[in-house]
N, C-alpha and C. Protein backbone atom coordinates (compact mmCIF):
# COMPACT_ATOMS: atom_id res chain seq x y z
N MET A 1 0.84 -1.47 -0.24
CA MET A 1 0.34 -0.24 0.22
C MET A 1 1.19 1.20 -0.50
N THR A 2 0.73 2.29 -0.89
CA THR A 2 1.85 3.66 -0.41
C THR A 2 1.05 4.15 0.08
N VAL A 3 1.65 5.42 0.28
CA VAL A 3 1.44 6.38 1.10
C VAL A 3 0.10 7.04 0.90
N GLU A 4 -0.20 7.77 -0.33
CA GLU A 4 -1.19 8.35 -1.05
C GLU A 4 -2.84 7.44 -0.01
N GLU A 5 -2.66 5.49 -0.61
CA GLU A 5 -3.38 4.75 -0.34
C GLU A 5 -3.76 5.50 1.33
N ILE A 6 -2.54 5.05 2.18
CA ILE A 6 -2.55 5.43 3.46
C ILE A 6 -3.99 6.30 3.76
N THR A 7 -3.27 7.37 3.30
CA THR A 7 -3.35 8.63 3.68
C THR A 7 -4.53 8.66 3.37
N ALA A 8 -4.96 8.33 2.28
CA ALA A 8 -7.29 8.34 1.76
C ALA A 8 -8.34 7.65 2.64
N SER A 9 -6.80 6.42 3.42
CA SER A 9 -8.00 5.74 4.10
C SER A 9 -7.72 6.42 5.76
N LEU A 10 -6.63 7.03 6.12
CA LEU A 10 -6.83 7.39 6.95
C LEU A 10 -7.84 8.90 7.58
N ARG A 11 -7.79 9.53 5.91
CA ARG A 11 -8.85 10.09 5.91
C ARG A 11 -10.09 10.03 5.95
N THR A 12 -11.10 8.54 5.49
CA THR A 12 -11.79 8.69 5.28
C THR A 12 -12.48 8.08 7.08
N LEU A 13 -11.64 7.24 7.15
CA LEU A 13 -11.44 6.47 9.06
C LEU A 13 -12.24 8.43 9.52
N LEU A 14 -11.44 8.99 9.85
CA LEU A 14 -10.95 9.93 10.82
C LEU A 14 -12.76 10.90 10.69
N THR A 15 -12.52 11.07 9.26
CA THR A 15 -13.98 11.80 8.65
C THR A 15 -14.98 11.14 9.52
N ALA A 16 -15.50 9.76 9.64
CA ALA A 16 -16.36 9.21 9.91
C ALA A 16 -16.55 8.92 11.64
N MET A 17 -16.10 9.38 12.05
CA MET A 17 -15.41 9.51 13.54
C MET A 17 -16.20 10.75 14.27
N PRO A 18 -16.88 10.40 15.73
CA PRO A 18 -17.16 11.12 16.15
C PRO A 18 -16.18 12.43 17.00
N GLU A 19 -16.35 13.58 17.23
CA GLU A 19 -15.52 14.77 17.31
C GLU A 19 -14.37 14.27 18.27
N ALA A 20 -14.87 13.98 19.41
CA ALA A 20 -13.65 13.92 20.65
C ALA A 20 -12.93 12.23 20.03
N GLN A 21 -13.22 11.57 19.39
CA GLN A 21 -12.96 10.26 19.29
C GLN A 21 -11.93 10.79 17.91
N ARG A 22 -12.04 11.63 17.01
CA ARG A 22 -11.81 11.88 15.96
C ARG A 22 -10.17 13.03 16.74
N ILE A 23 -10.27 13.81 17.16
CA ILE A 23 -9.13 14.69 18.37
C ILE A 23 -8.25 13.16 18.99
N THR A 24 -8.67 12.18 19.75
CA THR A 24 -7.53 11.43 20.09
C THR A 24 -7.25 10.63 19.13
N SER A 25 -7.33 10.48 17.99
CA SER A 25 -7.33 9.61 17.40
C SER A 25 -6.22 9.74 16.07
N ILE A 26 -5.96 11.74 15.56
CA ILE A 26 -5.33 12.20 15.50
C ILE A 26 -3.99 12.59 16.02
N ASN A 27 -4.43 12.94 17.64
CA ASN A 27 -3.19 12.88 18.04
C ASN A 27 -2.49 11.08 18.33
N GLN A 28 -2.89 10.55 18.37
CA GLN A 28 -2.63 9.30 18.15
C GLN A 28 -1.53 9.00 17.07
N VAL A 29 -2.23 9.61 16.19
CA VAL A 29 -1.41 9.60 14.76
C VAL A 29 -0.45 10.37 14.33
N LYS A 30 -0.46 11.65 15.22
CA LYS A 30 0.53 12.56 15.19
C LYS A 30 1.98 11.95 15.58
N VAL A 31 1.96 11.32 17.60
CA VAL A 31 2.56 10.55 18.30
C VAL A 31 3.59 9.66 17.32
N ALA A 32 2.45 8.64 16.62
CA ALA A 32 3.34 7.56 15.89
C ALA A 32 4.30 8.43 14.97
N LEU A 33 3.66 9.00 13.99
CA LEU A 33 4.43 9.38 13.05
C LEU A 33 5.75 9.98 13.73
N HIS A 34 5.97 10.60 14.90
CA HIS A 34 6.68 11.62 15.60
C HIS A 34 7.97 10.45 15.55
N GLU A 35 7.65 9.08 16.24
CA GLU A 35 8.46 8.55 16.59
C GLU A 35 9.26 7.95 15.36
N CYS A 36 8.66 8.11 14.43
CA CYS A 36 9.81 7.59 13.62
C CYS A 36 10.09 8.72 12.54
N SER A 37 10.25 10.12 12.91
CA SER A 37 10.58 11.32 12.31
C SER A 37 12.12 11.49 12.75
N PRO A 38 12.58 11.73 11.69
CA PRO A 38 14.03 12.12 11.52
C PRO A 38 14.48 13.60 12.72
N PHE A 39 13.14 14.02 12.81
CA PHE A 39 13.33 15.44 14.00
C PHE A 39 12.81 14.92 15.51
N LYS A 40 12.70 13.47 15.60
CA LYS A 40 11.94 13.25 17.10
C LYS A 40 12.42 13.54 17.91
N ASN A 41 13.48 14.02 18.26
CA ASN A 41 14.51 15.32 19.12
C ASN A 41 14.12 15.91 19.28
N GLU A 42 13.01 16.99 18.33
CA GLU A 42 12.07 18.20 18.34
C GLU A 42 11.19 18.33 18.97
N PRO A 43 10.77 18.85 19.94
CA PRO A 43 9.57 18.72 20.66
C PRO A 43 8.04 19.28 19.51
N VAL A 44 8.85 20.44 19.15
CA VAL A 44 7.81 20.84 18.16
C VAL A 44 7.48 19.90 16.87
N ASP A 45 8.30 19.32 16.56
CA ASP A 45 7.68 18.13 15.90
C ASP A 45 6.92 17.43 16.02
N CYS A 46 5.98 17.63 17.07
CA CYS A 46 5.22 16.79 17.44
C CYS A 46 3.49 17.66 18.38
N VAL A 47 2.53 18.46 17.93
CA VAL A 47 1.89 19.06 18.46
C VAL A 47 0.50 18.49 18.30
N ILE A 48 0.51 18.18 19.76
CA ILE A 48 -1.11 17.56 20.32
C ILE A 48 -1.95 18.56 20.65
N TRP A 49 -3.06 17.90 20.28
CA TRP A 49 -4.23 18.93 21.10
C TRP A 49 -4.94 18.61 22.27
N MET A 50 -4.50 18.85 23.70
CA MET A 50 -4.87 18.50 25.20
C MET A 50 -6.34 19.63 25.58
N LYS A 51 -7.01 18.37 26.72
CA LYS A 51 -7.96 19.66 27.05
C LYS A 51 -7.27 20.49 28.53
N THR A 52 -8.04 21.68 28.31
CA THR A 52 -7.36 22.66 29.54
C THR A 52 -7.27 21.74 30.83
N GLN A 53 -8.77 20.85 31.19
CA GLN A 53 -8.10 20.50 32.25
C GLN A 53 -7.55 19.54 32.83
N GLU A 54 -5.94 18.79 31.41
CA GLU A 54 -5.38 18.47 32.00
C GLU A 54 -4.15 18.84 32.45
N ILE A 55 -4.24 19.62 32.07
CA ILE A 55 -2.68 20.63 32.31
C ILE A 55 -2.68 22.16 33.27
N LYS A 56 -1.73 21.86 34.06
CA LYS A 56 -1.11 22.81 34.86
C LYS A 56 -0.24 23.97 34.39
N ALA A 57 -0.33 24.69 35.70
CA ALA A 57 0.37 25.94 35.55
C ALA A 57 1.55 25.16 36.86
N ASN A 58 2.45 25.88 36.56
CA ASN A 58 3.71 25.46 37.22
C ASN A 58 3.71 26.39 38.41
N ASP A 59 4.18 26.09 39.71
CA ASP A 59 4.64 27.36 40.38
C ASP A 59 5.92 27.95 41.05
N TYR A 60 6.31 28.39 39.73
CA TYR A 60 7.54 28.96 39.96
C TYR A 60 8.20 30.23 38.80
N ASN A 61 7.05 30.03 37.99
CA ASN A 61 7.22 30.90 36.65
C ASN A 61 6.85 32.49 37.47
N PRO A 62 8.53 33.53 37.20
CA PRO A 62 9.03 34.66 37.31
C PRO A 62 8.31 35.89 35.72
N ASN A 63 7.65 35.38 35.24
CA ASN A 63 7.35 36.26 34.05
C ASN A 63 6.12 36.38 34.53
N ASN A 64 5.90 38.46 34.16
CA ASN A 64 5.02 39.22 34.12
C ASN A 64 4.64 39.76 33.34
N VAL A 65 3.76 39.93 33.02
CA VAL A 65 2.85 40.39 31.42
C VAL A 65 1.93 41.65 31.83
N ALA A 66 2.24 42.81 31.32
CA ALA A 66 1.39 44.00 31.97
C ALA A 66 -0.38 43.63 30.84
N PRO A 67 -1.47 44.30 32.09
CA PRO A 67 -2.59 44.70 31.41
C PRO A 67 -3.00 44.58 29.61
N ALA A 68 -1.90 45.79 29.58
CA ALA A 68 -2.17 45.68 28.13
C ALA A 68 -1.66 45.08 26.65
N GLU A 69 -0.91 44.13 27.40
CA GLU A 69 0.11 43.03 26.66
C GLU A 69 -0.74 41.86 26.58
N LYS A 70 -1.18 41.99 27.83
CA LYS A 70 -1.93 40.71 28.04
C LYS A 70 -3.49 40.64 27.01
N ALA A 71 -3.60 41.46 26.74
CA ALA A 71 -4.87 42.29 26.38
C ALA A 71 -4.39 41.89 24.58
N LEU A 72 -3.12 42.72 24.76
CA LEU A 72 -2.98 42.74 23.07
C LEU A 72 -2.44 40.53 22.85
N LEU A 73 -2.21 40.13 23.41
CA LEU A 73 -2.41 38.95 23.59
C LEU A 73 -3.05 37.62 22.70
N ASN A 74 -4.75 38.79 23.94
CA ASN A 74 -5.44 38.17 23.39
C ASN A 74 -5.90 38.33 22.15
N THR A 75 -6.00 39.36 22.12
CA THR A 75 -6.34 39.49 20.28
C THR A 75 -5.63 38.76 19.43
N SER A 76 -4.02 38.77 19.98
CA SER A 76 -3.51 38.22 18.97
C SER A 76 -3.96 36.55 18.78
N LEU A 77 -4.60 35.88 20.00
CA LEU A 77 -4.81 34.48 19.46
C LEU A 77 -5.99 34.46 18.87
N ILE A 78 -7.07 35.45 18.56
CA ILE A 78 -8.31 35.76 18.14
C ILE A 78 -8.52 35.96 16.91
N GLN A 79 -6.97 36.21 16.71
CA GLN A 79 -7.23 37.31 15.08
C GLN A 79 -5.89 36.22 14.45
N ASP A 80 -5.07 36.09 14.91
CA ASP A 80 -4.46 35.18 14.05
C ASP A 80 -4.19 33.91 14.32
N GLY A 81 -4.58 33.39 15.74
CA GLY A 81 -4.73 32.04 16.00
C GLY A 81 -3.48 31.22 16.80
N PHE A 82 -3.25 30.29 17.27
CA PHE A 82 -2.31 30.05 17.99
C PHE A 82 -1.14 29.52 16.46
N THR A 83 -0.16 30.54 16.90
CA THR A 83 0.85 30.12 16.42
C THR A 83 2.27 29.47 17.42
N HIS A 84 1.62 29.60 18.46
CA HIS A 84 3.15 29.17 19.30
C HIS A 84 2.34 28.38 20.40
N PRO A 85 2.65 26.76 20.06
CA PRO A 85 1.96 26.11 21.17
C PRO A 85 2.27 26.16 22.64
N ILE A 86 1.36 25.36 23.50
CA ILE A 86 1.88 25.27 24.88
C ILE A 86 3.13 24.71 25.16
N VAL A 87 3.99 25.10 25.80
CA VAL A 87 5.22 24.03 26.22
C VAL A 87 5.10 23.19 27.70
N ALA A 88 4.75 21.95 27.59
CA ALA A 88 4.77 21.13 28.83
C ALA A 88 5.46 19.89 28.54
N THR A 89 5.06 19.26 30.17
CA THR A 89 6.02 18.01 30.06
C THR A 89 5.21 17.73 31.32
N CYS A 90 5.15 15.98 31.67
CA CYS A 90 4.50 15.22 32.17
C CYS A 90 5.54 14.77 33.79
N ASP A 91 4.84 15.18 34.32
CA ASP A 91 4.96 15.04 35.67
C ASP A 91 5.26 13.72 36.42
N GLU A 92 6.07 12.55 35.63
CA GLU A 92 5.62 10.92 36.09
C GLU A 92 4.85 10.74 37.64
N SER A 93 5.74 11.36 38.51
CA SER A 93 5.56 11.49 39.78
C SER A 93 3.92 11.72 40.09
N THR A 94 3.18 12.35 39.69
CA THR A 94 1.68 12.57 39.83
C THR A 94 0.73 12.66 38.80
N ASP A 95 1.33 12.61 37.75
CA ASP A 95 0.64 11.90 36.44
C ASP A 95 -0.60 13.32 36.11
N GLN A 96 0.75 14.40 35.92
CA GLN A 96 0.46 15.02 35.59
C GLN A 96 0.79 16.15 34.86
N PHE A 97 0.58 17.35 33.86
CA PHE A 97 1.49 18.14 32.36
C PHE A 97 1.20 19.43 33.02
N ILE A 98 2.54 19.56 33.21
CA ILE A 98 3.15 20.75 33.84
C ILE A 98 3.77 21.75 32.35
N ILE A 99 3.07 22.78 32.81
CA ILE A 99 3.57 24.15 31.79
C ILE A 99 5.31 24.52 32.55
N ILE A 100 5.89 24.47 31.08
CA ILE A 100 7.19 24.96 30.90
C ILE A 100 6.97 26.32 30.48
N ASP A 101 6.23 26.20 29.53
CA ASP A 101 6.12 28.20 28.96
C ASP A 101 4.69 28.02 28.18
N GLY A 102 4.26 29.02 28.00
CA GLY A 102 3.41 29.87 27.36
C GLY A 102 1.97 29.34 28.25
N PHE A 103 2.11 29.75 29.73
CA PHE A 103 1.07 29.82 30.49
C PHE A 103 0.25 31.01 30.72
N HIS A 104 0.83 32.38 29.79
CA HIS A 104 -0.32 33.13 29.90
C HIS A 104 -1.23 32.84 28.81
N ARG A 105 -0.89 32.33 27.36
CA ARG A 105 -1.45 31.78 26.81
C ARG A 105 -2.40 30.92 26.72
N PHE A 106 -2.29 29.99 27.68
CA PHE A 106 -3.33 29.22 28.30
C PHE A 106 -3.77 29.04 29.04
N GLU A 107 -3.57 30.56 29.75
CA GLU A 107 -4.82 31.16 30.56
C GLU A 107 -5.66 31.99 30.10
N ILE A 108 -5.57 32.45 29.16
CA ILE A 108 -6.17 33.13 28.07
C ILE A 108 -7.35 31.84 27.72
N SER A 109 -6.63 31.33 26.97
CA SER A 109 -7.67 30.06 26.04
C SER A 109 -8.29 29.80 27.08
N SER A 110 -8.44 28.93 28.08
CA SER A 110 -8.81 28.16 29.34
C SER A 110 -9.82 29.17 29.46
N LYS A 111 -10.09 30.28 29.82
CA LYS A 111 -11.54 31.10 30.16
C LYS A 111 -12.55 30.68 29.37
N ALA A 112 -13.83 30.81 29.71
CA ALA A 112 -14.77 30.56 29.07
C ALA A 112 -14.61 32.21 28.17
N GLY A 113 -15.38 32.08 26.69
CA GLY A 113 -14.68 33.53 25.49
C GLY A 113 -15.29 32.52 24.49
N GLU A 114 -14.84 33.51 23.57
CA GLU A 114 -14.97 33.12 22.21
C GLU A 114 -13.50 32.27 21.94
N LEU A 115 -12.37 32.16 22.30
CA LEU A 115 -10.85 31.88 21.82
C LEU A 115 -11.58 30.61 22.40
N ASN A 116 -11.88 29.88 23.40
CA ASN A 116 -12.18 28.69 24.34
C ASN A 116 -12.85 28.14 23.10
N LYS A 117 -14.48 28.80 22.72
CA LYS A 117 -15.22 27.81 21.57
C LYS A 117 -14.54 27.75 21.11
N ARG A 118 -14.25 28.00 20.12
CA ARG A 118 -13.54 27.97 18.71
C ARG A 118 -12.60 26.79 19.24
N LEU A 119 -11.31 27.00 20.61
CA LEU A 119 -11.06 25.82 20.61
C LEU A 119 -11.50 24.37 21.51
N LYS A 120 -12.52 24.24 21.49
CA LYS A 120 -13.21 23.48 22.00
C LYS A 120 -13.24 22.93 23.53
N GLY A 121 -12.56 23.94 24.44
CA GLY A 121 -11.30 23.48 25.39
C GLY A 121 -10.44 22.78 25.36
N TYR A 122 -9.96 22.82 24.20
CA TYR A 122 -8.42 22.16 23.87
C TYR A 122 -6.94 23.43 23.63
N VAL A 123 -6.29 23.02 24.18
CA VAL A 123 -4.81 23.86 23.54
C VAL A 123 -4.02 23.04 23.33
N PRO A 124 -3.28 23.35 22.03
CA PRO A 124 -1.91 23.17 21.16
C PRO A 124 -0.49 23.07 22.09
N VAL A 125 -0.44 22.10 22.29
CA VAL A 125 0.98 21.42 23.28
C VAL A 125 2.39 20.77 22.25
N VAL A 126 3.35 21.08 23.09
CA VAL A 126 4.41 20.38 22.74
C VAL A 126 5.06 19.78 24.14
N LEU A 127 5.64 18.48 23.89
CA LEU A 127 5.73 18.25 25.15
C LEU A 127 7.71 17.56 25.36
N MET A 128 8.30 18.22 26.21
CA MET A 128 9.59 18.14 26.82
C MET A 128 9.80 17.17 27.45
N PRO A 129 9.75 15.84 27.59
CA PRO A 129 9.84 14.89 27.98
C PRO A 129 11.36 14.68 28.72
N GLN A 130 12.61 15.65 28.15
CA GLN A 130 13.17 15.12 28.56
C GLN A 130 13.51 16.24 30.46
N VAL A 131 12.41 16.44 30.39
CA VAL A 131 12.47 17.28 32.02
C VAL A 131 11.53 16.51 32.86
N ASN A 132 11.03 15.73 31.98
CA ASN A 132 9.80 15.14 33.02
C ASN A 132 10.21 15.00 34.89
N ASN A 133 11.16 14.67 35.36
CA ASN A 133 10.98 14.30 36.58
C ASN A 133 11.41 14.90 37.23
N ASP A 134 12.35 16.05 37.23
CA ASP A 134 12.99 17.04 37.30
C ASP A 134 12.55 18.63 37.47
N LYS A 135 12.44 19.20 38.49
CA LYS A 135 11.96 19.84 38.97
C LYS A 135 12.96 21.45 38.76
N ASN A 136 13.65 20.93 38.88
CA ASN A 136 15.28 22.39 38.53
C ASN A 136 15.13 22.17 37.49
N ARG A 137 15.55 20.99 36.47
CA ARG A 137 15.33 21.29 35.22
C ARG A 137 14.34 21.64 34.22
N ARG A 138 13.34 21.65 35.28
CA ARG A 138 11.66 22.73 34.49
C ARG A 138 12.29 23.67 34.95
N MET A 139 12.61 24.09 35.57
CA MET A 139 12.44 25.67 35.85
C MET A 139 13.68 26.15 35.26
N ALA A 140 14.54 26.04 35.05
CA ALA A 140 15.69 26.42 34.56
C ALA A 140 15.41 26.33 33.03
N ALA A 141 14.33 25.22 32.21
CA ALA A 141 13.81 25.35 31.30
C ALA A 141 12.90 26.64 30.70
N THR A 142 12.06 26.60 31.78
CA THR A 142 11.20 27.91 31.72
C THR A 142 11.99 29.19 31.79
N ILE A 143 13.19 29.46 32.65
CA ILE A 143 13.76 30.93 32.38
C ILE A 143 13.97 30.90 31.34
N ARG A 144 15.09 29.88 30.52
CA ARG A 144 15.61 29.93 29.37
C ARG A 144 14.46 30.25 28.03
N HIS A 145 13.06 29.95 28.49
CA HIS A 145 11.68 30.27 27.28
C HIS A 145 11.92 31.80 27.57
N ASN A 146 11.97 32.34 29.09
CA ASN A 146 11.27 33.69 29.68
C ASN A 146 12.06 34.73 29.17
N ARG A 147 13.70 34.02 28.95
CA ARG A 147 14.89 35.65 29.08
C ARG A 147 14.49 36.23 28.65
N ALA A 148 14.01 36.37 27.31
CA ALA A 148 14.57 36.90 25.82
C ALA A 148 13.12 37.70 25.30
N ARG A 149 12.05 37.73 26.55
CA ARG A 149 10.80 38.28 26.71
C ARG A 149 10.56 38.38 27.22
N GLY A 150 9.32 39.10 27.99
CA GLY A 150 8.30 39.27 28.87
C GLY A 150 9.45 40.31 30.51
N ARG A 151 8.43 40.35 31.26
CA ARG A 151 9.14 41.03 32.66
C ARG A 151 9.92 40.11 33.85
N HIS A 152 10.50 39.75 33.68
CA HIS A 152 10.30 39.08 35.36
C HIS A 152 10.66 39.74 36.71
N GLN A 153 10.04 38.93 37.22
CA GLN A 153 9.41 39.31 38.94
C GLN A 153 10.99 39.34 39.83
N ILE A 154 11.26 40.16 40.26
CA ILE A 154 12.85 39.81 40.88
C ILE A 154 12.72 39.15 41.90
N ASN A 155 11.45 39.37 42.99
CA ASN A 155 11.41 38.04 43.74
C ASN A 155 11.62 36.90 43.59
N ALA A 156 10.63 36.78 42.45
CA ALA A 156 10.52 35.32 42.32
C ALA A 156 11.74 34.61 41.23
N MET A 157 12.45 35.71 40.63
CA MET A 157 13.75 34.98 40.11
C MET A 157 14.69 34.55 41.12
N ALA A 158 14.62 35.56 42.52
CA ALA A 158 15.87 35.41 43.59
C ALA A 158 15.45 34.37 44.28
N GLU A 159 14.29 33.71 44.31
CA GLU A 159 13.46 32.40 45.37
C GLU A 159 14.25 30.88 44.09
N ILE A 160 14.02 31.47 42.71
CA ILE A 160 14.27 29.78 42.01
C ILE A 160 16.15 30.26 42.32
N VAL A 161 16.88 31.13 42.13
CA VAL A 161 18.57 31.07 42.29
C VAL A 161 18.69 30.91 43.97
N ARG A 162 18.02 31.21 45.03
CA ARG A 162 17.92 30.45 46.49
C ARG A 162 18.01 29.08 46.02
N GLU A 163 16.86 28.26 45.87
CA GLU A 163 16.35 27.17 45.79
C GLU A 163 17.36 26.46 44.98
N LEU A 164 17.81 26.41 44.10
CA LEU A 164 18.41 26.08 43.10
C LEU A 164 20.29 26.24 44.09
N SER A 165 20.79 27.11 44.88
CA SER A 165 22.13 27.35 45.06
C SER A 165 21.90 26.07 46.61
N GLN A 166 20.94 26.19 47.17
CA GLN A 166 20.75 24.90 48.78
C GLN A 166 20.92 23.74 47.87
N LEU A 167 20.36 23.70 46.32
CA LEU A 167 20.14 22.04 45.73
C LEU A 167 21.68 21.72 45.49
N GLY A 168 22.87 22.67 45.85
CA GLY A 168 24.29 22.58 45.71
C GLY A 168 24.35 22.86 44.66
N TRP A 169 23.85 23.59 43.18
CA TRP A 169 24.00 24.28 42.31
C TRP A 169 25.34 25.63 42.61
N ASP A 170 26.36 25.98 41.95
CA ASP A 170 27.60 26.27 42.24
C ASP A 170 26.98 28.17 41.50
N ASP A 171 27.74 29.28 41.71
CA ASP A 171 27.08 30.64 40.83
C ASP A 171 27.62 30.10 39.20
N SER A 172 28.21 29.37 38.88
CA SER A 172 28.80 29.13 37.51
C SER A 172 27.85 28.28 37.15
N LYS A 173 26.34 27.03 37.38
CA LYS A 173 26.29 26.48 36.66
C LYS A 173 24.76 27.02 36.83
N ILE A 174 24.36 27.71 37.97
CA ILE A 174 22.84 28.95 37.62
C ILE A 174 23.22 29.73 36.46
N GLY A 175 24.41 30.65 36.35
CA GLY A 175 24.26 31.35 35.76
C GLY A 175 24.35 30.87 34.01
N ILE A 176 24.44 29.51 33.71
CA ILE A 176 25.06 28.87 32.94
C ILE A 176 23.39 28.33 31.86
N GLU A 177 23.04 27.56 33.57
CA GLU A 177 21.48 26.79 33.28
C GLU A 177 20.65 27.98 32.42
N LEU A 178 19.65 29.40 32.89
CA LEU A 178 19.25 30.40 33.09
C LEU A 178 19.60 31.56 32.20
N GLY A 179 21.46 31.42 31.85
CA GLY A 179 21.40 32.72 30.97
C GLY A 179 21.90 33.40 31.65
N MET A 180 22.58 34.01 32.69
CA MET A 180 23.05 34.87 33.26
C MET A 180 24.41 34.64 33.67
N ASP A 181 25.14 36.04 33.81
CA ASP A 181 26.60 36.04 34.05
C ASP A 181 26.42 35.86 35.88
N THR A 182 27.78 35.86 36.23
CA THR A 182 28.14 35.81 37.95
C THR A 182 27.05 36.76 38.56
N ASP A 183 27.79 38.09 38.02
CA ASP A 183 27.02 39.37 39.18
C ASP A 183 25.74 39.27 38.96
N GLU A 184 25.27 39.19 37.75
CA GLU A 184 23.46 38.90 38.21
C GLU A 184 23.38 38.07 38.93
N VAL A 185 23.78 36.42 39.16
CA VAL A 185 23.66 35.60 40.29
C VAL A 185 23.56 36.33 41.29
N LEU A 186 24.64 37.19 41.69
CA LEU A 186 25.10 37.14 42.98
C LEU A 186 24.04 38.35 43.36
N ARG A 187 23.71 39.01 42.35
CA ARG A 187 22.44 40.03 42.83
C ARG A 187 21.72 39.50 42.73
N LEU A 188 20.99 38.83 42.60
CA LEU A 188 19.53 37.92 42.69
C LEU A 188 20.06 37.32 44.38
N LYS A 189 21.02 36.35 44.45
CA LYS A 189 21.62 35.99 46.10
C LYS A 189 20.98 37.10 46.92
N GLN A 190 21.68 38.17 46.93
CA GLN A 190 21.45 39.74 47.80
C GLN A 190 19.88 39.54 47.84
N VAL A 191 19.36 39.64 46.75
CA VAL A 191 17.81 40.27 46.91
C VAL A 191 17.49 39.41 48.24
N CYS A 192 17.13 37.78 48.32
CA CYS A 192 17.51 36.53 49.21
C CYS A 192 17.46 36.94 50.66
N GLY A 193 18.65 37.66 50.82
CA GLY A 193 19.67 38.09 51.58
C GLY A 193 19.73 37.27 53.14
N LEU A 194 19.70 36.12 52.44
CA LEU A 194 20.42 34.27 53.30
C LEU A 194 21.70 34.47 52.86
N PHE A 195 22.45 34.59 54.55
CA PHE A 195 23.53 34.13 54.37
C PHE A 195 24.28 32.88 54.45
N GLU A 196 23.15 31.94 53.94
CA GLU A 196 23.84 30.81 53.74
C GLU A 196 24.19 30.70 52.18
N LEU A 197 23.81 31.11 51.09
CA LEU A 197 23.70 31.27 49.93
C LEU A 197 25.52 32.04 50.09
N PHE A 198 26.22 32.80 50.75
CA PHE A 198 27.42 33.34 51.18
C PHE A 198 28.35 32.78 51.49
N SER A 199 27.89 32.25 52.27
CA SER A 199 28.75 31.06 53.37
C SER A 199 30.17 30.38 52.83
N HIS A 200 30.15 30.09 51.27
CA HIS A 200 31.75 29.76 50.67
C HIS A 200 32.45 30.76 49.87
N ARG A 201 32.11 31.63 50.29
CA ARG A 201 32.33 32.82 49.60
C ARG A 201 33.50 33.51 50.13
N GLN A 202 34.44 33.95 49.12
CA GLN A 202 36.06 34.39 50.44
C GLN A 202 35.84 36.34 49.83
N PHE A 203 35.97 37.18 51.23
CA PHE A 203 35.92 38.19 51.21
C PHE A 203 37.14 39.07 51.65
N SER A 204 37.20 39.59 50.98
CA SER A 204 38.54 40.64 51.09
C SER A 204 38.79 41.35 52.70
N GLN A 205 39.36 41.63 53.20
CA GLN A 205 39.22 42.10 54.32
C GLN A 205 38.53 43.66 54.36
N ALA A 206 38.07 43.96 55.16
CA ALA A 206 38.06 45.04 55.14
C ALA A 206 39.15 46.74 55.49
N TRP A 207 39.02 47.72 54.74
CA TRP A 207 40.42 48.70 55.03
C TRP A 207 39.51 50.13 55.21
N THR A 208 40.02 50.81 56.12
CA THR A 208 39.57 52.23 56.43
C THR A 208 40.55 52.92 56.50
N VAL A 209 40.31 54.45 56.01
CA VAL A 209 41.17 55.82 55.90
C VAL A 209 41.75 55.88 56.88
N LYS A 210 42.59 56.43 57.53
CA LYS A 210 43.10 56.77 58.91
C LYS A 210 43.55 58.78 58.44
């Protein structure tokens, strides 16, 4: 059987299905194609549709969007459609899908309204399996997605640096993973004001003017 014949049969089969079953089946076909794709290591190679109830926000995202920008995002999603899927991962310990990037797109589309109705309660999602069971890697991935856009809340960023430091990450690793230089990491540690974050640092002797 040729690819054209398979495609024609698949189209006939899918068209005859009830909508919910059709969406599930289309996702299954996409996953199967992704598994044999030469680009299977790229998350964007497989965009699936998930119910908003299946996804939850993370509890550490420091990215903040002003009301005017959020309103523009809403207009963009309505007028231009979804051009950037939600990035998520499965926390296998809880069997929940957690957002890595796209919280504001998710928030807008999950509320009752024109967009939610049009999307039938679904959102497009790409999955990052490589960070499934490691919260620290999920946090680092979120920061990397956010750094080039939006505005970070300083206190939230400082809290992330504090948590990574207490888990044994040194300033160099934090800087590399979060896209910061050493001075920026140090400033965020200062925001925390926690003595233990500086306990390993060597300071020069104080001097006075006589």
